[in-house]
N, C-alpha and C. Protein backbone atom coordinates (compact mmCIF):
# COMPACT_ATOMS: atom_id res chain seq x y z
N MET A 1 -7.32 -21.00 -31.03
CA MET A 1 -7.54 -21.64 -29.74
C MET A 1 -9.01 -21.99 -29.59
N GLU A 2 -9.26 -23.15 -29.05
CA GLU A 2 -10.64 -23.61 -28.86
C GLU A 2 -11.15 -23.22 -27.47
N LEU A 3 -12.46 -23.23 -27.36
CA LEU A 3 -13.08 -22.98 -26.06
C LEU A 3 -12.66 -24.05 -25.08
N LEU A 4 -12.67 -23.70 -23.81
CA LEU A 4 -12.43 -24.68 -22.76
C LEU A 4 -13.69 -25.52 -22.59
N ASN A 5 -13.53 -26.67 -21.95
CA ASN A 5 -14.63 -27.61 -21.80
C ASN A 5 -15.01 -27.81 -20.34
N VAL A 6 -16.21 -28.32 -20.14
CA VAL A 6 -16.66 -28.70 -18.80
C VAL A 6 -15.65 -29.69 -18.23
N GLY A 7 -15.25 -29.46 -16.99
CA GLY A 7 -14.27 -30.31 -16.33
C GLY A 7 -12.86 -29.75 -16.37
N ASP A 8 -12.59 -28.82 -17.28
CA ASP A 8 -11.27 -28.19 -17.36
C ASP A 8 -11.05 -27.28 -16.15
N ASP A 9 -9.79 -27.15 -15.75
CA ASP A 9 -9.45 -26.13 -14.77
C ASP A 9 -9.64 -24.77 -15.42
N ALA A 10 -10.21 -23.84 -14.67
CA ALA A 10 -10.36 -22.47 -15.17
C ALA A 10 -9.01 -21.78 -15.03
N PRO A 11 -8.41 -21.33 -16.12
CA PRO A 11 -7.11 -20.67 -16.02
C PRO A 11 -7.16 -19.43 -15.13
N ASP A 12 -6.21 -19.35 -14.23
CA ASP A 12 -6.15 -18.17 -13.37
C ASP A 12 -5.70 -16.97 -14.21
N PHE A 13 -6.02 -15.81 -13.73
CA PHE A 13 -5.58 -14.58 -14.39
C PHE A 13 -5.50 -13.48 -13.36
N GLU A 14 -4.74 -12.46 -13.69
CA GLU A 14 -4.70 -11.24 -12.90
C GLU A 14 -4.81 -10.08 -13.88
N ALA A 15 -5.74 -9.19 -13.59
CA ALA A 15 -5.99 -8.04 -14.45
C ALA A 15 -6.53 -6.92 -13.57
N VAL A 16 -6.96 -5.82 -14.19
CA VAL A 16 -7.56 -4.74 -13.43
C VAL A 16 -9.02 -4.57 -13.83
N ASP A 17 -9.79 -4.07 -12.86
CA ASP A 17 -11.20 -3.82 -13.13
C ASP A 17 -11.41 -2.36 -13.49
N GLN A 18 -12.67 -1.96 -13.57
CA GLN A 18 -13.02 -0.60 -13.98
C GLN A 18 -12.54 0.46 -12.99
N ASP A 19 -12.17 0.04 -11.78
CA ASP A 19 -11.68 0.97 -10.77
C ASP A 19 -10.16 0.90 -10.60
N GLY A 20 -9.50 0.14 -11.46
CA GLY A 20 -8.06 0.00 -11.37
C GLY A 20 -7.61 -0.99 -10.31
N LYS A 21 -8.55 -1.71 -9.71
CA LYS A 21 -8.21 -2.71 -8.68
C LYS A 21 -7.83 -4.02 -9.35
N LYS A 22 -6.88 -4.72 -8.72
CA LYS A 22 -6.48 -6.02 -9.24
C LYS A 22 -7.58 -7.04 -9.02
N VAL A 23 -7.80 -7.85 -10.04
CA VAL A 23 -8.76 -8.94 -9.98
C VAL A 23 -8.01 -10.21 -10.33
N LYS A 24 -8.10 -11.21 -9.45
CA LYS A 24 -7.48 -12.51 -9.71
C LYS A 24 -8.58 -13.57 -9.58
N LEU A 25 -8.68 -14.42 -10.56
CA LEU A 25 -9.69 -15.49 -10.48
C LEU A 25 -9.45 -16.35 -9.25
N SER A 26 -8.20 -16.59 -8.90
CA SER A 26 -7.89 -17.44 -7.75
C SER A 26 -8.41 -16.85 -6.43
N ASP A 27 -8.72 -15.56 -6.40
CA ASP A 27 -9.32 -14.97 -5.20
C ASP A 27 -10.73 -15.50 -4.96
N TYR A 28 -11.32 -16.11 -5.97
CA TYR A 28 -12.69 -16.63 -5.88
C TYR A 28 -12.70 -18.16 -5.93
N LYS A 29 -11.61 -18.78 -5.49
CA LYS A 29 -11.46 -20.24 -5.65
C LYS A 29 -12.53 -21.05 -4.92
N ASP A 30 -13.17 -20.48 -3.90
CA ASP A 30 -14.21 -21.19 -3.18
C ASP A 30 -15.62 -20.79 -3.62
N ASP A 31 -15.71 -19.98 -4.66
CA ASP A 31 -16.99 -19.42 -5.08
C ASP A 31 -17.42 -19.93 -6.45
N VAL A 32 -18.70 -19.74 -6.71
CA VAL A 32 -19.22 -19.91 -8.07
C VAL A 32 -19.00 -18.57 -8.78
N VAL A 33 -18.41 -18.62 -9.97
CA VAL A 33 -18.11 -17.42 -10.73
C VAL A 33 -18.75 -17.53 -12.11
N VAL A 34 -19.44 -16.47 -12.50
CA VAL A 34 -19.93 -16.33 -13.86
C VAL A 34 -18.91 -15.44 -14.57
N LEU A 35 -18.18 -16.04 -15.50
CA LEU A 35 -17.17 -15.30 -16.26
C LEU A 35 -17.72 -15.12 -17.66
N TYR A 36 -18.21 -13.90 -17.91
CA TYR A 36 -18.82 -13.69 -19.22
C TYR A 36 -17.95 -12.75 -20.06
N PHE A 37 -17.67 -13.21 -21.26
CA PHE A 37 -16.87 -12.46 -22.21
C PHE A 37 -17.80 -11.77 -23.19
N TYR A 38 -17.47 -10.53 -23.54
CA TYR A 38 -18.30 -9.78 -24.49
C TYR A 38 -17.40 -8.96 -25.39
N PRO A 39 -17.87 -8.63 -26.59
CA PRO A 39 -17.00 -7.95 -27.56
C PRO A 39 -16.56 -6.54 -27.21
N LYS A 40 -17.49 -5.63 -26.88
CA LYS A 40 -17.08 -4.23 -26.77
C LYS A 40 -18.07 -3.42 -25.94
N ASP A 41 -17.52 -2.57 -25.07
CA ASP A 41 -18.35 -1.64 -24.30
C ASP A 41 -19.18 -0.76 -25.23
N ASN A 42 -20.37 -0.43 -24.79
CA ASN A 42 -21.24 0.54 -25.46
C ASN A 42 -21.71 0.14 -26.85
N THR A 43 -21.73 -1.14 -27.15
CA THR A 43 -22.34 -1.61 -28.39
C THR A 43 -23.71 -2.18 -28.03
N PRO A 44 -24.64 -2.26 -28.95
CA PRO A 44 -26.01 -2.63 -28.60
C PRO A 44 -26.15 -3.97 -27.86
N GLY A 45 -25.57 -5.03 -28.39
CA GLY A 45 -25.70 -6.34 -27.74
C GLY A 45 -25.02 -6.39 -26.39
N CYS A 46 -23.85 -5.77 -26.29
CA CYS A 46 -23.10 -5.77 -25.03
C CYS A 46 -23.81 -4.91 -23.98
N THR A 47 -24.41 -3.82 -24.40
CA THR A 47 -25.19 -2.98 -23.50
C THR A 47 -26.40 -3.76 -22.97
N MET A 48 -27.08 -4.47 -23.87
CA MET A 48 -28.24 -5.27 -23.47
C MET A 48 -27.83 -6.35 -22.45
N GLU A 49 -26.73 -7.03 -22.73
CA GLU A 49 -26.27 -8.09 -21.84
C GLU A 49 -25.87 -7.53 -20.48
N ALA A 50 -25.13 -6.43 -20.46
CA ALA A 50 -24.71 -5.81 -19.20
C ALA A 50 -25.92 -5.35 -18.38
N LYS A 51 -26.90 -4.74 -19.04
CA LYS A 51 -28.12 -4.31 -18.33
C LYS A 51 -28.85 -5.51 -17.75
N ASN A 52 -28.85 -6.62 -18.48
CA ASN A 52 -29.51 -7.82 -18.01
C ASN A 52 -28.84 -8.35 -16.74
N PHE A 53 -27.51 -8.37 -16.71
CA PHE A 53 -26.82 -8.77 -15.48
C PHE A 53 -27.08 -7.75 -14.37
N ARG A 54 -27.02 -6.48 -14.70
CA ARG A 54 -27.30 -5.43 -13.70
C ARG A 54 -28.66 -5.62 -13.06
N ASP A 55 -29.67 -5.84 -13.89
CA ASP A 55 -31.04 -5.94 -13.40
C ASP A 55 -31.32 -7.22 -12.62
N ASN A 56 -30.47 -8.22 -12.79
CA ASN A 56 -30.65 -9.50 -12.10
C ASN A 56 -29.56 -9.77 -11.06
N ILE A 57 -28.72 -8.80 -10.78
CA ILE A 57 -27.55 -9.04 -9.93
C ILE A 57 -27.92 -9.50 -8.52
N ASP A 58 -29.07 -9.07 -8.02
CA ASP A 58 -29.45 -9.47 -6.66
C ASP A 58 -29.60 -10.99 -6.54
N LEU A 59 -30.08 -11.64 -7.58
CA LEU A 59 -30.17 -13.11 -7.57
C LEU A 59 -28.79 -13.72 -7.31
N PHE A 60 -27.79 -13.19 -7.97
CA PHE A 60 -26.42 -13.69 -7.84
C PHE A 60 -25.82 -13.33 -6.48
N LYS A 61 -25.98 -12.09 -6.08
CA LYS A 61 -25.38 -11.63 -4.83
C LYS A 61 -25.97 -12.35 -3.61
N GLU A 62 -27.27 -12.62 -3.65
CA GLU A 62 -27.92 -13.34 -2.53
C GLU A 62 -27.27 -14.69 -2.29
N LYS A 63 -26.76 -15.29 -3.33
CA LYS A 63 -26.15 -16.63 -3.23
C LYS A 63 -24.63 -16.57 -3.30
N ASN A 64 -24.07 -15.36 -3.18
CA ASN A 64 -22.61 -15.16 -3.19
C ASN A 64 -21.96 -15.64 -4.49
N ILE A 65 -22.67 -15.50 -5.59
CA ILE A 65 -22.13 -15.84 -6.91
C ILE A 65 -21.48 -14.58 -7.47
N LYS A 66 -20.25 -14.70 -7.93
CA LYS A 66 -19.52 -13.57 -8.47
C LYS A 66 -19.75 -13.46 -9.97
N VAL A 67 -20.01 -12.26 -10.45
CA VAL A 67 -20.18 -12.00 -11.88
C VAL A 67 -19.03 -11.12 -12.34
N LEU A 68 -18.29 -11.62 -13.33
CA LEU A 68 -17.17 -10.87 -13.90
C LEU A 68 -17.38 -10.76 -15.41
N GLY A 69 -17.50 -9.54 -15.90
CA GLY A 69 -17.58 -9.30 -17.33
C GLY A 69 -16.19 -8.99 -17.86
N VAL A 70 -15.80 -9.59 -18.97
CA VAL A 70 -14.45 -9.40 -19.52
C VAL A 70 -14.54 -9.01 -20.99
N SER A 71 -13.81 -7.94 -21.32
CA SER A 71 -13.61 -7.58 -22.73
C SER A 71 -12.20 -7.03 -22.87
N VAL A 72 -11.79 -6.77 -24.10
CA VAL A 72 -10.44 -6.24 -24.33
C VAL A 72 -10.41 -4.72 -24.24
N ASP A 73 -11.51 -4.10 -23.81
CA ASP A 73 -11.54 -2.65 -23.62
C ASP A 73 -10.68 -2.25 -22.43
N SER A 74 -10.28 -0.99 -22.40
CA SER A 74 -9.45 -0.46 -21.32
C SER A 74 -10.26 -0.29 -20.04
N GLU A 75 -9.54 -0.11 -18.96
CA GLU A 75 -10.21 0.14 -17.67
C GLU A 75 -11.00 1.45 -17.75
N GLU A 76 -10.49 2.44 -18.46
CA GLU A 76 -11.20 3.72 -18.61
C GLU A 76 -12.52 3.54 -19.37
N SER A 77 -12.49 2.73 -20.42
CA SER A 77 -13.70 2.44 -21.18
C SER A 77 -14.71 1.72 -20.30
N HIS A 78 -14.22 0.76 -19.51
CA HIS A 78 -15.11 0.03 -18.59
C HIS A 78 -15.75 0.98 -17.58
N LYS A 79 -14.97 1.93 -17.07
CA LYS A 79 -15.49 2.87 -16.07
C LYS A 79 -16.61 3.71 -16.68
N LYS A 80 -16.42 4.20 -17.90
CA LYS A 80 -17.47 4.97 -18.58
C LYS A 80 -18.71 4.11 -18.80
N PHE A 81 -18.50 2.86 -19.21
CA PHE A 81 -19.60 1.91 -19.45
C PHE A 81 -20.36 1.67 -18.14
N GLU A 82 -19.62 1.44 -17.06
CA GLU A 82 -20.23 1.24 -15.74
C GLU A 82 -21.08 2.45 -15.35
N ASN A 83 -20.49 3.64 -15.48
CA ASN A 83 -21.20 4.86 -15.08
C ASN A 83 -22.43 5.11 -15.94
N LYS A 84 -22.30 4.93 -17.22
CA LYS A 84 -23.41 5.17 -18.15
C LYS A 84 -24.61 4.27 -17.85
N LEU A 85 -24.32 3.00 -17.49
CA LEU A 85 -25.40 2.03 -17.29
C LEU A 85 -25.68 1.73 -15.82
N SER A 86 -24.99 2.41 -14.90
CA SER A 86 -25.12 2.13 -13.46
C SER A 86 -24.90 0.65 -13.16
N LEU A 87 -23.81 0.11 -13.68
CA LEU A 87 -23.53 -1.31 -13.49
C LEU A 87 -23.10 -1.58 -12.05
N ASN A 88 -23.39 -2.79 -11.59
CA ASN A 88 -23.17 -3.14 -10.19
C ASN A 88 -22.40 -4.46 -10.06
N PHE A 89 -21.49 -4.69 -10.98
CA PHE A 89 -20.64 -5.87 -10.94
C PHE A 89 -19.30 -5.51 -11.58
N THR A 90 -18.35 -6.42 -11.49
CA THR A 90 -16.98 -6.17 -11.91
C THR A 90 -16.80 -6.34 -13.41
N LEU A 91 -16.13 -5.37 -14.02
CA LEU A 91 -15.73 -5.45 -15.43
C LEU A 91 -14.21 -5.56 -15.47
N VAL A 92 -13.71 -6.61 -16.08
CA VAL A 92 -12.28 -6.87 -16.14
C VAL A 92 -11.74 -6.42 -17.49
N SER A 93 -10.65 -5.65 -17.44
CA SER A 93 -10.01 -5.19 -18.67
C SER A 93 -8.93 -6.18 -19.10
N ASP A 94 -9.10 -6.70 -20.30
CA ASP A 94 -8.11 -7.63 -20.86
C ASP A 94 -7.47 -7.00 -22.10
N LYS A 95 -6.97 -5.80 -21.92
CA LYS A 95 -6.36 -5.09 -23.05
C LYS A 95 -5.24 -5.89 -23.72
N PRO A 96 -4.40 -6.60 -22.94
CA PRO A 96 -3.34 -7.40 -23.58
C PRO A 96 -3.85 -8.70 -24.23
N LYS A 97 -5.13 -8.97 -24.06
CA LYS A 97 -5.79 -10.14 -24.68
C LYS A 97 -5.25 -11.47 -24.16
N GLU A 98 -4.76 -11.47 -22.93
CA GLU A 98 -4.24 -12.70 -22.33
C GLU A 98 -5.35 -13.61 -21.83
N ILE A 99 -6.34 -13.02 -21.16
CA ILE A 99 -7.44 -13.83 -20.61
C ILE A 99 -8.27 -14.41 -21.75
N THR A 100 -8.58 -13.59 -22.73
CA THR A 100 -9.38 -14.06 -23.86
C THR A 100 -8.67 -15.19 -24.61
N ARG A 101 -7.35 -15.11 -24.69
CA ARG A 101 -6.59 -16.21 -25.33
C ARG A 101 -6.67 -17.47 -24.49
N LYS A 102 -6.43 -17.34 -23.18
CA LYS A 102 -6.45 -18.51 -22.28
C LYS A 102 -7.79 -19.24 -22.34
N TYR A 103 -8.86 -18.48 -22.50
CA TYR A 103 -10.20 -19.07 -22.49
C TYR A 103 -10.72 -19.39 -23.90
N GLY A 104 -9.90 -19.17 -24.90
CA GLY A 104 -10.26 -19.53 -26.26
C GLY A 104 -11.37 -18.71 -26.86
N VAL A 105 -11.50 -17.47 -26.41
CA VAL A 105 -12.61 -16.63 -26.87
C VAL A 105 -12.17 -15.41 -27.68
N LEU A 106 -10.89 -15.33 -28.01
CA LEU A 106 -10.43 -14.18 -28.77
C LEU A 106 -10.82 -14.34 -30.23
N GLY A 107 -11.58 -13.36 -30.72
CA GLY A 107 -11.96 -13.34 -32.13
C GLY A 107 -10.88 -12.61 -32.92
N LEU A 108 -11.26 -11.95 -33.98
CA LEU A 108 -10.29 -11.21 -34.78
C LEU A 108 -9.60 -10.12 -33.99
N ALA A 109 -10.36 -9.31 -33.27
CA ALA A 109 -9.75 -8.25 -32.47
C ALA A 109 -10.42 -8.09 -31.12
N VAL A 110 -11.55 -8.74 -30.94
CA VAL A 110 -12.33 -8.61 -29.70
C VAL A 110 -12.69 -10.00 -29.17
N ALA A 111 -13.24 -10.00 -27.96
CA ALA A 111 -13.70 -11.26 -27.37
C ALA A 111 -15.00 -11.71 -28.04
N LYS A 112 -15.15 -13.01 -28.18
CA LYS A 112 -16.42 -13.56 -28.62
C LYS A 112 -17.37 -13.54 -27.42
N ARG A 113 -18.66 -13.59 -27.69
CA ARG A 113 -19.66 -13.59 -26.63
C ARG A 113 -19.82 -15.03 -26.12
N VAL A 114 -19.10 -15.34 -25.04
CA VAL A 114 -19.07 -16.68 -24.45
C VAL A 114 -19.15 -16.52 -22.94
N THR A 115 -19.85 -17.43 -22.27
CA THR A 115 -19.92 -17.40 -20.81
C THR A 115 -19.50 -18.75 -20.24
N TYR A 116 -18.69 -18.68 -19.19
CA TYR A 116 -18.30 -19.86 -18.43
C TYR A 116 -18.86 -19.76 -17.03
N ILE A 117 -19.41 -20.87 -16.54
CA ILE A 117 -19.74 -20.97 -15.12
C ILE A 117 -18.63 -21.79 -14.49
N ILE A 118 -18.03 -21.23 -13.44
CA ILE A 118 -16.89 -21.84 -12.77
C ILE A 118 -17.25 -22.10 -11.32
N ASP A 119 -16.95 -23.29 -10.84
CA ASP A 119 -17.19 -23.63 -9.44
C ASP A 119 -15.90 -24.20 -8.86
N LYS A 120 -15.41 -23.53 -7.83
CA LYS A 120 -14.18 -23.97 -7.16
C LYS A 120 -13.04 -24.21 -8.15
N GLY A 121 -12.90 -23.30 -9.11
CA GLY A 121 -11.79 -23.36 -10.04
C GLY A 121 -11.96 -24.29 -11.22
N LYS A 122 -13.11 -24.95 -11.33
CA LYS A 122 -13.38 -25.87 -12.45
C LYS A 122 -14.52 -25.31 -13.30
N ILE A 123 -14.40 -25.51 -14.60
CA ILE A 123 -15.49 -25.10 -15.49
C ILE A 123 -16.59 -26.15 -15.41
N VAL A 124 -17.79 -25.68 -15.06
CA VAL A 124 -18.92 -26.61 -14.92
C VAL A 124 -19.97 -26.43 -16.01
N TYR A 125 -19.89 -25.33 -16.74
CA TYR A 125 -20.83 -25.13 -17.85
C TYR A 125 -20.25 -24.07 -18.79
N VAL A 126 -20.53 -24.25 -20.08
CA VAL A 126 -20.06 -23.30 -21.10
C VAL A 126 -21.23 -22.91 -21.99
N TYR A 127 -21.40 -21.62 -22.20
CA TYR A 127 -22.34 -21.10 -23.19
C TYR A 127 -21.50 -20.61 -24.37
N PRO A 128 -21.36 -21.43 -25.41
CA PRO A 128 -20.52 -21.03 -26.54
C PRO A 128 -21.16 -19.96 -27.41
N LYS A 129 -22.47 -19.86 -27.36
CA LYS A 129 -23.21 -18.82 -28.08
C LYS A 129 -24.21 -18.23 -27.11
N VAL A 130 -24.23 -16.93 -27.02
CA VAL A 130 -25.04 -16.25 -26.03
C VAL A 130 -26.01 -15.30 -26.71
N SER A 131 -27.26 -15.37 -26.27
CA SER A 131 -28.24 -14.36 -26.66
C SER A 131 -28.30 -13.37 -25.50
N PRO A 132 -27.87 -12.12 -25.72
CA PRO A 132 -27.70 -11.20 -24.60
C PRO A 132 -28.97 -10.78 -23.87
N LYS A 133 -30.12 -10.95 -24.49
CA LYS A 133 -31.35 -10.38 -23.93
C LYS A 133 -31.72 -10.93 -22.55
N GLU A 134 -31.74 -12.23 -22.38
CA GLU A 134 -32.15 -12.85 -21.12
C GLU A 134 -31.05 -13.72 -20.53
N HIS A 135 -29.81 -13.42 -20.85
CA HIS A 135 -28.71 -14.31 -20.50
C HIS A 135 -28.50 -14.45 -18.98
N ALA A 136 -28.61 -13.38 -18.23
CA ALA A 136 -28.36 -13.45 -16.78
C ALA A 136 -29.30 -14.45 -16.12
N LYS A 137 -30.58 -14.39 -16.43
CA LYS A 137 -31.55 -15.32 -15.83
C LYS A 137 -31.28 -16.74 -16.29
N GLU A 138 -30.92 -16.90 -17.56
CA GLU A 138 -30.57 -18.22 -18.10
C GLU A 138 -29.38 -18.81 -17.32
N VAL A 139 -28.38 -18.01 -17.04
CA VAL A 139 -27.20 -18.47 -16.30
C VAL A 139 -27.59 -18.82 -14.86
N TYR A 140 -28.36 -17.96 -14.23
CA TYR A 140 -28.79 -18.23 -12.85
C TYR A 140 -29.59 -19.53 -12.78
N ASP A 141 -30.50 -19.71 -13.71
CA ASP A 141 -31.30 -20.94 -13.73
C ASP A 141 -30.42 -22.18 -13.92
N LYS A 142 -29.37 -22.06 -14.72
CA LYS A 142 -28.44 -23.18 -14.93
C LYS A 142 -27.68 -23.48 -13.63
N ILE A 143 -27.29 -22.45 -12.91
CA ILE A 143 -26.60 -22.64 -11.62
C ILE A 143 -27.51 -23.37 -10.64
N VAL A 144 -28.79 -23.01 -10.62
CA VAL A 144 -29.77 -23.70 -9.77
C VAL A 144 -29.88 -25.16 -10.21
N GLU A 145 -30.03 -25.38 -11.51
CA GLU A 145 -30.17 -26.73 -12.06
C GLU A 145 -28.96 -27.60 -11.72
N LEU A 146 -27.77 -27.02 -11.76
CA LEU A 146 -26.56 -27.75 -11.45
C LEU A 146 -26.32 -27.91 -9.95
N LYS A 147 -27.24 -27.36 -9.16
CA LYS A 147 -27.18 -27.46 -7.69
C LYS A 147 -25.88 -26.88 -7.12
N LEU A 148 -25.50 -25.71 -7.62
CA LEU A 148 -24.28 -25.07 -7.17
C LEU A 148 -24.50 -24.03 -6.09
N LEU A 149 -25.76 -23.82 -5.71
CA LEU A 149 -26.05 -22.78 -4.71
C LEU A 149 -25.64 -23.25 -3.33
N LYS A 150 -25.15 -22.32 -2.55
CA LYS A 150 -24.69 -22.64 -1.20
C LYS A 150 -25.82 -22.47 -0.21
């Protein structure tokens, strides 16, 4: 499966987060959503990327931008990852690999590191390759550049 493109409808999904709560993309249909896929909890690159979003989350929250991290790890793994790093955003568990398939990011057994910016249910930007170190600020700056702030 190939990555989705700018202009495509963002496929809806329903899954659970690190707290066992249901998360549906359609619940954010009027919002800007950063949907970032990452390979695995507690690995060096994924830890760096999660910390980067954590440390920059106020930029997103001030503008009501939703950040959703998605991997094929379990909700229990996500909860440990959240607690270990004091994360302050939603981690979606895609254990059945349905979301990663819909978005064309499923690798051999894990999600590829890809980020989609979604506005009102449409994909407005795709990062097919992500450098985890400064990614949150890069995404925020792109949202500003695209004039998506409310």
